[in-house]
Amino acid sequence: MEDRKYIRGLLEALLFLSSSPIKLSALAKSCGIEKTDAREILDELILDYEEKEGGFVLREIAGGYQFITSQLYSEALSHIFKDKKRETLSRGTLDTLAILAYKQPITLTELDEIRGVSSRAMVASLISKKLVKAVGQKEVPGRPTLYGTTNDFLIHFGLSKLADLPTPVEVKELNFEELSSESIDIIETESEMNPDFDKDSLPAELREDVQGSVEISSDSVSHEVEEKI
């Protein structure tokens, strides 16, 4: 293995320059080292940046590694960058996303049965925000579309993999909004679709009435999720 200090610095530089998570295999290949050696150095970096309590930390997110701002400074940063555009999710849409995340792959009909109301507009909104995507078709008559979460979902919520989602028991004691990242606001009214999104790219079952509204339960998201997953 090449000089460890140099490799460590190279890994830092690669991660610093990237705007998205980089997979372990890609990092190892770029540095010309084995994945086991790369993981060992990355684990050291994660611990070192955590102990520094500086402005950013290294995290394993969405199957890769990425520098992110430290939670210690999230409140101050939110005030400084208060004019920065942030994604918004209504409580109903977050409820839809939570059920979909735990039950995926899931059809629109199955999702509607769990929620008791139409989820069409919410799923369309989540697709436009790149948090949900069509992942296939269920092998039943009519072959309805199956939906699942995206890599962006993992990034937004700071998860390395879906297995990192809290268990149903943990959800019971969790304020589900704590899972939201600094780039997502939870609002009471229905969130609109991303205006730059091409609605024609939606699955056919979602193209009609994608702006329609649905009833929002007054219960907390954490209660709804705990009851339904």
Protein backbone atom coordinates (compact mmCIF):
# COMPACT_ATOMS: atom_id res chain seq x y z
CA MET A 1 0.00 0.00 0.00
CA GLU A 2 1.25 3.50 -0.82
CA ASP A 3 2.14 6.02 1.88
CA ARG A 4 -0.85 5.96 4.24
CA LYS A 5 -0.76 9.69 4.94
CA TYR A 6 -0.90 10.46 1.22
CA ILE A 7 -3.79 8.03 0.63
CA ARG A 8 -5.69 9.48 3.55
CA GLY A 9 -5.28 12.98 2.14
CA LEU A 10 -6.30 11.82 -1.33
CA LEU A 11 -9.48 10.23 0.03
CA GLU A 12 -10.31 13.46 1.87
CA ALA A 13 -9.77 15.48 -1.30
CA LEU A 14 -11.94 13.18 -3.41
CA LEU A 15 -14.77 13.34 -0.88
CA PHE A 16 -14.45 17.09 -0.45
CA LEU A 17 -14.79 17.69 -4.18
CA SER A 18 -17.82 15.43 -4.59
CA SER A 19 -21.37 16.80 -4.30
CA SER A 20 -22.80 13.30 -3.85
CA PRO A 21 -21.85 10.13 -1.95
CA ILE A 22 -18.99 8.09 -3.44
CA LYS A 23 -19.09 4.30 -3.19
CA LEU A 24 -16.31 2.48 -1.36
CA SER A 25 -15.33 0.56 -4.49
CA ALA A 26 -14.95 3.80 -6.48
CA LEU A 27 -12.83 5.41 -3.77
CA ALA A 28 -10.58 2.37 -3.51
CA LYS A 29 -10.15 2.17 -7.28
CA SER A 30 -9.36 5.89 -7.57
CA CYS A 31 -6.67 5.58 -4.91
CA GLY A 32 -5.31 2.28 -6.23
CA ILE A 33 -5.87 0.42 -2.97
CA GLU A 34 -7.93 -2.53 -1.71
CA LYS A 35 -11.45 -1.90 -0.44
CA THR A 36 -10.53 -3.23 3.01
CA ASP A 37 -7.71 -0.66 3.29
CA ALA A 38 -9.97 2.13 2.04
CA ARG A 39 -12.69 1.23 4.55
CA GLU A 40 -10.17 1.21 7.39
CA ILE A 41 -8.93 4.71 6.53
CA LEU A 42 -12.49 5.99 6.03
CA ASP A 43 -13.51 4.65 9.43
CA GLU A 44 -10.56 6.53 10.93
CA LEU A 45 -11.61 9.72 9.12
CA ILE A 46 -15.20 9.39 10.34
CA LEU A 47 -14.00 9.10 13.93
CA ASP A 48 -11.45 11.91 13.59
CA TYR A 49 -13.94 14.41 12.17
CA GLU A 50 -16.50 13.46 14.80
CA GLU A 51 -14.02 14.07 17.61
CA LYS A 52 -12.98 17.46 16.15
CA GLU A 53 -16.56 18.79 16.44
CA GLY A 54 -15.79 20.99 13.45
CA GLY A 55 -18.12 22.38 10.83
CA PHE A 56 -18.54 19.15 8.89
CA VAL A 57 -18.37 15.41 9.41
CA LEU A 58 -17.89 12.35 7.21
CA ARG A 59 -20.81 9.96 6.98
CA GLU A 60 -21.69 6.72 5.19
CA ILE A 61 -24.83 7.68 3.26
CA ALA A 62 -26.81 5.98 0.47
CA GLY A 63 -24.21 3.27 0.01
CA GLY A 64 -21.32 5.72 -0.22
CA TYR A 65 -19.35 8.30 1.74
CA GLN A 66 -19.89 12.06 1.85
CA PHE A 67 -18.94 15.12 3.87
CA ILE A 68 -21.99 16.83 5.39
CA THR A 69 -22.43 19.79 7.72
CA SER A 70 -22.40 18.95 11.40
CA GLN A 71 -25.74 18.84 13.18
CA LEU A 72 -24.18 21.00 15.89
CA TYR A 73 -24.47 24.03 13.61
CA SER A 74 -27.74 23.25 11.83
CA GLU A 75 -29.78 25.90 13.64
CA ALA A 76 -27.26 28.67 12.97
CA LEU A 77 -26.85 27.64 9.35
CA SER A 78 -30.62 27.56 8.80
CA HIS A 79 -30.78 31.22 9.85
CA ILE A 80 -27.79 32.22 7.74
CA PHE A 81 -29.15 30.50 4.64
CA LYS A 82 -32.83 31.12 5.37
CA ASP A 83 -33.47 32.29 1.80
CA LYS A 84 -32.11 29.08 0.30
CA LYS A 85 -34.79 27.02 -1.43
CA ARG A 86 -35.83 24.03 0.65
CA GLU A 87 -37.94 21.05 -0.24
CA THR A 88 -41.29 20.84 1.54
CA LEU A 89 -43.36 17.79 2.43
CA SER A 90 -46.82 17.95 3.93
CA ARG A 91 -47.60 15.68 6.85
CA GLY A 92 -49.81 13.60 4.58
CA THR A 93 -47.03 13.26 2.00
CA LEU A 94 -44.51 12.35 4.69
CA ASP A 95 -46.96 9.73 5.95
CA THR A 96 -47.22 8.34 2.41
CA LEU A 97 -43.44 8.30 2.07
CA ALA A 98 -43.00 6.54 5.40
CA ILE A 99 -45.47 3.78 4.58
CA LEU A 100 -43.94 3.35 1.13
CA ALA A 101 -40.44 3.15 2.60
CA TYR A 102 -41.40 0.33 4.98
CA LYS A 103 -43.73 -1.59 2.64
CA GLN A 104 -41.84 -1.24 -0.65
CA PRO A 105 -42.19 -2.39 -3.31
CA ILE A 106 -45.86 -1.43 -3.13
CA THR A 107 -48.62 -0.62 -5.61
CA LEU A 108 -50.76 2.50 -5.55
CA THR A 109 -53.85 0.42 -4.70
CA GLU A 110 -52.08 -1.22 -1.75
CA LEU A 111 -50.92 2.17 -0.53
CA ASP A 112 -54.45 3.59 -0.79
CA GLU A 113 -55.83 0.64 1.18
CA ILE A 114 -53.38 1.26 4.01
CA ARG A 115 -53.97 5.02 4.16
CA GLY A 116 -57.71 4.90 3.53
CA VAL A 117 -57.52 7.81 1.06
CA SER A 118 -56.10 8.38 -2.41
CA SER A 119 -52.33 8.71 -2.48
CA ARG A 120 -52.04 9.51 -6.20
CA ALA A 121 -51.12 13.20 -5.84
CA MET A 122 -48.70 12.47 -3.01
CA VAL A 123 -46.84 9.73 -4.87
CA ALA A 124 -46.61 12.00 -7.92
CA SER A 125 -45.21 14.77 -5.73
CA LEU A 126 -42.65 12.40 -4.20
CA ILE A 127 -41.58 11.23 -7.66
CA SER A 128 -41.15 14.85 -8.78
CA LYS A 129 -38.89 15.43 -5.75
CA LYS A 130 -36.85 12.32 -6.65
CA LEU A 131 -37.65 10.59 -3.37
CA VAL A 132 -39.77 7.82 -4.96
CA LYS A 133 -39.64 6.01 -8.30
CA ALA A 134 -41.37 3.21 -10.20
CA VAL A 135 -39.36 0.04 -9.59
CA GLY A 136 -41.26 -2.50 -11.66
CA GLN A 137 -44.66 -4.10 -12.14
CA LYS A 138 -46.46 -6.59 -9.92
CA GLU A 139 -47.05 -9.94 -11.56
CA VAL A 140 -50.83 -9.92 -11.17
CA PRO A 141 -53.64 -9.15 -13.66
CA GLY A 142 -53.23 -5.62 -14.95
CA ARG A 143 -49.55 -5.59 -13.86
CA PRO A 144 -49.83 -2.46 -11.67
CA THR A 145 -46.75 -0.32 -11.11
CA LEU A 146 -44.65 -0.99 -8.03
CA TYR A 147 -43.09 1.97 -6.21
CA GLY A 148 -40.00 2.23 -4.04
CA THR A 149 -37.65 4.83 -2.61
CA THR A 150 -34.65 6.26 -4.43
CA ASN A 151 -31.02 6.86 -3.60
CA ASP A 152 -31.95 10.52 -3.05
CA PHE A 153 -34.32 9.36 -0.30
CA LEU A 154 -31.37 7.84 1.56
CA ILE A 155 -29.32 11.01 1.06
CA HIS A 156 -32.09 13.36 2.21
CA PHE A 157 -32.68 11.37 5.38
CA GLY A 158 -29.05 10.59 6.13
CA LEU A 159 -29.37 6.82 5.75
CA SER A 160 -26.72 4.45 4.45
CA LYS A 161 -29.27 1.77 3.54
CA LEU A 162 -32.96 1.02 4.05
CA ALA A 163 -32.09 -1.33 6.90
CA ASP A 164 -31.06 1.79 8.86
CA LEU A 165 -34.69 2.93 9.10
CA PRO A 166 -35.97 2.77 12.69
CA THR A 167 -37.88 -0.38 13.59
CA PRO A 168 -41.65 -0.18 14.22
CA VAL A 169 -40.92 -0.31 17.96
CA GLU A 170 -38.53 2.62 17.66
CA VAL A 171 -41.00 4.55 15.50
CA LYS A 172 -43.56 4.37 18.32
CA GLU A 173 -41.28 6.53 20.47
CA LEU A 174 -39.98 8.72 17.64
CA ASN A 175 -40.99 12.17 16.50
CA PHE A 176 -40.82 11.20 12.81
CA GLU A 177 -39.91 14.75 11.82
CA GLU A 178 -36.52 14.16 13.43
CA LEU A 179 -35.68 12.00 10.40
CA SER A 180 -36.04 14.94 8.04
CA SER A 181 -32.84 16.55 6.85
CA GLU A 182 -31.96 20.23 6.81
CA SER A 183 -33.14 20.36 3.19
CA ILE A 184 -36.76 19.36 3.94
CA ASP A 185 -39.43 21.33 5.81
CA ILE A 186 -42.54 19.66 7.19
CA ILE A 187 -45.64 21.76 6.51
CA GLU A 188 -49.33 21.40 7.32
CA THR A 189 -50.70 22.00 3.80
CA GLU A 190 -50.22 19.81 0.77
CA SER A 191 -46.85 20.22 -0.94
CA GLU A 192 -46.86 20.88 -4.66
CA MET A 193 -44.94 19.03 -7.31
CA ASN A 194 -41.54 20.24 -8.38
CA PRO A 195 -42.43 22.87 -11.04
CA ASP A 196 -39.50 21.78 -13.22
CA PHE A 197 -40.65 18.16 -13.31
CA ASP A 198 -42.01 16.74 -16.57
CA LYS A 199 -45.40 15.27 -15.63
CA ASP A 200 -45.43 13.23 -18.84
CA SER A 201 -42.67 11.06 -17.34
CA LEU A 202 -45.00 9.89 -14.56
CA PRO A 203 -46.50 6.37 -14.72
CA ALA A 204 -49.82 6.49 -16.60
CA GLU A 205 -51.87 5.89 -13.44
CA LEU A 206 -50.53 9.13 -11.94
CA ARG A 207 -50.81 11.50 -14.88
CA GLU A 208 -54.41 12.49 -14.27
CA ASP A 209 -55.33 14.89 -11.50
CA VAL A 210 -51.79 14.92 -10.02
CA GLN A 211 -52.54 18.25 -8.35
CA GLY A 212 -55.63 16.94 -6.57
CA SER A 213 -55.86 17.34 -2.83
CA VAL A 214 -56.52 14.67 -0.24
CA GLU A 215 -57.65 14.74 3.33
CA ILE A 216 -54.87 15.08 5.91
CA SER A 217 -55.25 13.30 9.21
CA SER A 218 -54.84 15.42 12.32
CA ASP A 219 -52.89 12.62 14.00
CA SER A 220 -49.14 12.89 14.22
CA VAL A 221 -47.04 11.26 11.54
CA SER A 222 -45.26 9.06 14.05
CA HIS A 223 -48.62 7.70 15.27
CA GLU A 224 -49.85 7.00 11.74
CA VAL A 225 -46.65 5.24 10.77
CA GLU A 226 -46.55 3.15 13.95
CA GLU A 227 -50.11 2.00 13.30
CA LYS A 228 -49.61 1.12 9.65
CA ILE A 229 -46.19 -0.50 9.26
